[in-house]
Amino acid sequence: MKKLHSQQGWTSFGVIGVMVSAVIGIFGFEILLRLIPSNVSIVVPWAIVSLFVIPFTLCVQLILKLWDLKELDDISREERRRLKSIIDGKTRQFFIAIIYYVSSAVIVVTLYVFLANDVELFRIAIKVTGVLLGISMFSIYLILLEMKELSDFKAKLIERAISKKRQKSALKRLNVE
């Protein structure tokens, strides 16, 4: 079982993944910038901004699923206390992620609106967009891992409940005979 601090905070895999995805985002958008002719005027790339909605919606779904876990019946008081602590930590992480996605979208729109006329600043805006979008796309992977972990946990609880019912049934048959 994972330690409590790794369930509520950053892991080294997550930190390295975020840094690598940021670098990939910079280089990817630098290549994209080279493909854009210099005489073309750039407007706010709403398609790119809308990509921040994908991890946003996944985060909201995951938060709702985490909150549903608080209503579990077949766990002990100690398990409920530990689970509540883990849920609160993860929920806090995902609220921070939601703030990141919204802030990133606002930053991208602002950069393109105010810096589209200055070529040098626009190059920086493109790189910043790449970083923000790269991190957001990597976070989709992290969110999906969390969803899988949550699904595995629920399956384990269901399996445990079935096992308890079988055990009670077997004990009942032994007592009757």
Protein backbone atom coordinates (compact mmCIF):
# COMPACT_ATOMS: atom_id res chain seq x y z
CA MET A 1 0.00 0.00 0.00
CA LYS A 2 1.23 3.49 -0.76
CA LYS A 3 2.35 5.72 2.04
CA LEU A 4 0.02 8.54 2.97
CA HIS A 5 2.38 11.31 1.86
CA SER A 6 2.70 9.86 -1.65
CA GLN A 7 -1.07 9.68 -1.93
CA GLN A 8 -1.53 13.33 -1.09
CA GLY A 9 1.46 15.05 -2.66
CA TRP A 10 3.79 15.19 -5.59
CA THR A 11 5.71 12.12 -6.60
CA SER A 12 9.11 12.23 -8.25
CA PHE A 13 7.53 10.68 -11.36
CA GLY A 14 4.99 13.50 -11.49
CA VAL A 15 7.60 16.23 -11.06
CA ILE A 16 9.89 14.77 -13.73
CA GLY A 17 6.91 14.24 -16.03
CA VAL A 18 5.79 17.84 -15.62
CA MET A 19 9.29 19.14 -16.40
CA VAL A 20 9.69 16.88 -19.44
CA SER A 21 6.23 17.78 -20.76
CA ALA A 22 7.03 21.49 -20.34
CA VAL A 23 10.23 21.08 -22.38
CA ILE A 24 8.38 19.07 -25.04
CA GLY A 25 5.73 21.81 -25.13
CA ILE A 26 8.38 24.51 -25.69
CA PHE A 27 10.04 22.61 -28.53
CA GLY A 28 6.72 21.58 -30.07
CA PHE A 29 5.45 25.13 -30.17
CA GLU A 30 8.84 26.41 -31.38
CA ILE A 31 8.50 24.06 -34.36
CA LEU A 32 4.92 25.24 -34.84
CA LEU A 33 6.14 28.84 -34.81
CA ARG A 34 8.60 28.07 -37.62
CA LEU A 35 5.76 26.70 -39.74
CA ILE A 36 3.73 29.91 -39.47
CA PRO A 37 4.56 32.40 -42.23
CA SER A 38 5.88 35.72 -40.91
CA ASN A 39 3.32 37.83 -42.78
CA VAL A 40 0.31 36.09 -41.20
CA SER A 41 -1.48 37.88 -38.38
CA ILE A 42 -2.21 35.69 -35.39
CA VAL A 43 -5.42 35.85 -33.39
CA VAL A 44 -6.23 34.13 -30.13
CA PRO A 45 -5.94 30.38 -30.80
CA TRP A 46 -9.25 29.30 -29.31
CA ALA A 47 -8.60 25.68 -30.24
CA ILE A 48 -5.51 25.70 -28.04
CA VAL A 49 -7.33 27.50 -25.24
CA SER A 50 -10.13 24.93 -25.40
CA LEU A 51 -7.59 22.14 -24.83
CA PHE A 52 -7.36 23.33 -21.23
CA VAL A 53 -11.00 22.27 -20.84
CA ILE A 54 -10.14 18.56 -21.22
CA PRO A 55 -8.09 18.17 -18.03
CA PHE A 56 -10.44 20.63 -16.28
CA THR A 57 -13.45 18.38 -16.88
CA LEU A 58 -11.51 15.25 -15.92
CA CYS A 59 -10.53 16.94 -12.65
CA VAL A 60 -14.12 17.84 -11.86
CA GLN A 61 -15.22 14.25 -12.56
CA LEU A 62 -12.48 12.89 -10.32
CA ILE A 63 -13.34 15.26 -7.49
CA LEU A 64 -16.98 14.13 -7.62
CA LYS A 65 -15.91 10.47 -7.58
CA LEU A 66 -13.64 11.14 -4.62
CA TRP A 67 -16.49 12.80 -2.73
CA ASP A 68 -18.64 9.73 -3.42
CA LEU A 69 -16.08 7.65 -1.51
CA LYS A 70 -16.95 9.52 1.68
CA GLU A 71 -20.33 7.76 1.64
CA LEU A 72 -18.94 4.22 1.85
CA ASP A 73 -20.64 2.02 4.43
CA ASP A 74 -18.52 -1.13 4.65
CA ILE A 75 -15.39 0.37 6.19
CA SER A 76 -14.24 0.71 9.77
CA ARG A 77 -13.97 3.99 11.66
CA GLU A 78 -10.16 3.93 11.35
CA GLU A 79 -10.36 3.25 7.60
CA ARG A 80 -12.92 6.06 7.22
CA ARG A 81 -10.61 8.49 9.05
CA ARG A 82 -7.61 7.59 6.86
CA LEU A 83 -9.72 7.64 3.71
CA LYS A 84 -11.10 11.07 4.58
CA SER A 85 -7.56 12.40 4.99
CA ILE A 86 -6.50 10.97 1.61
CA ILE A 87 -9.65 12.27 -0.12
CA ASP A 88 -9.16 15.75 1.33
CA GLY A 89 -5.52 15.83 0.18
CA LYS A 90 -6.33 14.63 -3.32
CA THR A 91 -9.31 16.97 -3.61
CA ARG A 92 -7.06 19.88 -2.64
CA GLN A 93 -4.58 18.83 -5.36
CA PHE A 94 -7.30 18.71 -7.99
CA PHE A 95 -8.72 22.09 -7.01
CA ILE A 96 -5.22 23.53 -7.44
CA ALA A 97 -5.06 21.82 -10.84
CA ILE A 98 -8.41 23.37 -11.82
CA ILE A 99 -7.08 26.79 -10.86
CA TYR A 100 -4.00 26.06 -13.00
CA TYR A 101 -6.09 25.17 -16.07
CA VAL A 102 -8.28 28.25 -15.80
CA SER A 103 -5.28 30.50 -15.14
CA SER A 104 -3.38 28.98 -18.05
CA ALA A 105 -6.26 29.61 -20.44
CA VAL A 106 -6.54 33.22 -19.24
CA ILE A 107 -2.77 33.72 -19.58
CA VAL A 108 -2.74 32.33 -23.12
CA VAL A 109 -5.64 34.55 -24.20
CA THR A 110 -4.02 37.59 -22.59
CA LEU A 111 -0.64 36.90 -24.19
CA TYR A 112 -2.10 36.55 -27.66
CA VAL A 113 -4.32 39.60 -27.34
CA PHE A 114 -1.61 41.93 -26.09
CA LEU A 115 1.55 40.53 -27.67
CA ALA A 116 0.46 39.53 -31.17
CA ASN A 117 1.90 42.74 -32.71
CA ASP A 118 5.40 42.46 -31.19
CA VAL A 119 7.33 39.66 -32.91
CA GLU A 120 9.88 39.03 -30.13
CA LEU A 121 7.32 39.04 -27.35
CA PHE A 122 5.04 36.90 -29.48
CA ARG A 123 7.81 34.27 -29.75
CA ILE A 124 7.95 34.21 -25.95
CA ALA A 125 4.15 33.95 -25.81
CA ILE A 126 4.30 30.91 -28.10
CA LYS A 127 6.85 29.23 -25.81
CA VAL A 128 4.82 30.02 -22.70
CA THR A 129 1.77 28.52 -24.42
CA GLY A 130 3.79 25.40 -25.18
CA VAL A 131 4.87 25.03 -21.56
CA LEU A 132 1.37 25.53 -20.16
CA LEU A 133 -0.25 23.22 -22.68
CA GLY A 134 2.46 20.56 -22.33
CA ILE A 135 1.96 20.44 -18.58
CA SER A 136 -1.82 20.32 -19.01
CA MET A 137 -1.63 17.44 -21.48
CA PHE A 138 0.68 15.45 -19.17
CA SER A 139 -1.69 16.07 -16.28
CA ILE A 140 -4.40 14.22 -18.25
CA TYR A 141 -2.24 11.12 -17.91
CA LEU A 142 -1.85 11.70 -14.16
CA ILE A 143 -5.59 12.24 -13.75
CA LEU A 144 -6.34 9.02 -15.64
CA LEU A 145 -3.92 7.16 -13.36
CA GLU A 146 -5.82 8.53 -10.36
CA MET A 147 -9.12 7.42 -11.91
CA LYS A 148 -7.71 3.91 -12.41
CA GLU A 149 -6.50 3.82 -8.82
CA LEU A 150 -9.92 4.92 -7.62
CA SER A 151 -11.63 2.27 -9.73
CA ASP A 152 -9.25 -0.41 -8.39
CA PHE A 153 -9.98 0.73 -4.83
CA LYS A 154 -13.74 0.49 -5.34
CA ALA A 155 -13.34 -2.97 -6.90
CA LYS A 156 -11.29 -4.07 -3.90
CA LEU A 157 -14.00 -2.84 -1.52
CA ILE A 158 -16.69 -4.70 -3.47
CA GLU A 159 -14.56 -7.85 -3.45
CA ARG A 160 -14.04 -7.47 0.30
CA ALA A 161 -17.79 -7.07 0.89
CA ILE A 162 -18.54 -10.20 -1.15
CA SER A 163 -15.89 -12.11 0.77
CA LYS A 164 -17.42 -10.99 4.10
CA LYS A 165 -20.87 -12.16 2.96
CA ARG A 166 -19.47 -15.55 1.95
CA GLN A 167 -17.66 -15.84 5.24
CA LYS A 168 -20.81 -15.00 7.22
CA SER A 169 -22.79 -17.48 5.15
CA ALA A 170 -20.20 -20.20 5.75
CA LEU A 171 -20.14 -19.49 9.50
CA LYS A 172 -23.91 -19.56 9.60
CA ARG A 173 -23.98 -22.97 7.88
CA LEU A 174 -21.38 -24.31 10.31
CA ASN A 175 -23.39 -23.11 13.30
CA VAL A 176 -26.61 -24.64 11.97
CA GLU A 177 -25.10 -28.06 11.30
